[in-house]
Amino acid sequence: TLASVARLKTKGKEIIKKEVIYPKGNVKNPMTKEDVMEKFRDLCVISIKKDRCEEILQKLFELDQADSILDVVDLLRNP
């Protein structure tokens, strides 16, 4: 992920500058579990019903305990 700089010029001619060297998700600014969950939900609900998104998210966080990934695949296949 690359650093970003944004500059805004107000009606009063003031320049406001915001610089982010390590954006969220960078190794030096990692996302929390809550950040990941929020991003997943925001993107998932674009094409899948909210309750199904929650079910998928739960399955993904339990994946290390699952015998197979097929439960997740089935949820994604049949939104």
Protein backbone atom coordinates (compact mmCIF):
# COMPACT_ATOMS: atom_id res chain seq x y z
CA THR A 1 0.00 0.00 0.00
CA LEU A 2 1.33 3.39 -0.96
CA ALA A 3 1.53 6.59 1.01
CA SER A 4 -1.05 9.24 0.15
CA VAL A 5 -1.22 13.02 0.32
CA ALA A 6 -4.42 15.06 0.00
CA ARG A 7 -4.57 18.85 -0.26
CA LEU A 8 -7.74 20.88 0.03
CA LYS A 9 -8.07 24.58 -0.74
CA THR A 10 -10.90 26.27 1.15
CA LYS A 11 -12.97 29.20 -0.09
CA GLY A 12 -10.83 31.37 2.18
CA LYS A 13 -7.73 30.16 0.25
CA GLU A 14 -6.46 28.13 3.21
CA ILE A 15 -4.63 24.94 2.24
CA ILE A 16 -5.37 21.90 4.37
CA LYS A 17 -2.98 19.00 3.88
CA LYS A 18 -3.32 15.44 5.17
CA GLU A 19 -0.57 12.90 4.66
CA VAL A 20 -0.76 9.19 5.43
CA ILE A 21 2.54 7.37 5.16
CA TYR A 22 1.31 4.01 6.44
CA PRO A 23 -2.35 3.57 5.50
CA LYS A 24 -4.60 1.15 7.36
CA GLY A 25 -3.67 -2.38 6.36
CA ASN A 26 0.03 -1.63 5.94
CA VAL A 27 2.41 -3.84 7.92
CA LYS A 28 3.32 -0.78 9.99
CA ASN A 29 -0.37 0.09 10.55
CA PRO A 30 -2.18 -3.26 10.62
CA MET A 31 -5.93 -3.69 10.61
CA THR A 32 -7.57 -4.97 13.78
CA LYS A 33 -9.95 -7.91 13.72
CA GLU A 34 -12.79 -5.39 14.02
CA ASP A 35 -11.42 -3.44 11.02
CA VAL A 36 -11.33 -6.62 8.94
CA MET A 37 -14.88 -7.55 9.99
CA GLU A 38 -16.21 -4.08 9.16
CA LYS A 39 -14.53 -4.05 5.75
CA PHE A 40 -15.84 -7.54 4.97
CA ARG A 41 -19.38 -6.54 5.92
CA ASP A 42 -19.24 -3.33 3.87
CA LEU A 43 -18.11 -5.21 0.77
CA CYS A 44 -20.19 -8.35 1.26
CA VAL A 45 -23.58 -6.64 1.50
CA ILE A 46 -23.12 -5.23 -1.99
CA SER A 47 -24.03 -8.61 -3.45
CA ILE A 48 -25.13 -10.86 -0.59
CA LYS A 49 -27.89 -10.45 2.01
CA LYS A 50 -26.71 -9.10 5.36
CA ASP A 51 -27.64 -12.21 7.38
CA ARG A 52 -25.78 -14.42 4.90
CA CYS A 53 -22.74 -12.13 5.16
CA GLU A 54 -22.71 -12.63 8.91
CA GLU A 55 -22.94 -16.40 8.47
CA ILE A 56 -20.04 -16.37 6.00
CA LEU A 57 -17.97 -14.16 8.28
CA GLN A 58 -18.53 -16.50 11.22
CA LYS A 59 -17.52 -19.52 9.12
CA LEU A 60 -14.38 -17.75 7.94
CA PHE A 61 -13.29 -16.98 11.50
CA GLU A 62 -13.85 -20.64 12.42
CA LEU A 63 -12.06 -21.97 9.35
CA ASP A 64 -9.04 -23.17 11.32
CA GLN A 65 -11.36 -25.58 13.16
CA ALA A 66 -13.24 -26.80 10.09
CA ASP A 67 -12.70 -30.14 8.41
CA SER A 68 -13.33 -28.58 5.02
CA ILE A 69 -13.76 -25.21 3.34
CA LEU A 70 -16.85 -26.51 1.54
CA ASP A 71 -19.24 -24.94 4.08
CA VAL A 72 -17.92 -21.51 3.14
CA VAL A 73 -17.93 -22.32 -0.56
CA ASP A 74 -21.56 -23.42 -0.34
CA LEU A 75 -22.55 -20.18 1.39
CA LEU A 76 -20.83 -18.19 -1.34
CA ARG A 77 -22.29 -20.28 -4.11
CA ASN A 78 -25.88 -19.87 -2.95
CA PRO A 79 -26.25 -16.25 -1.81
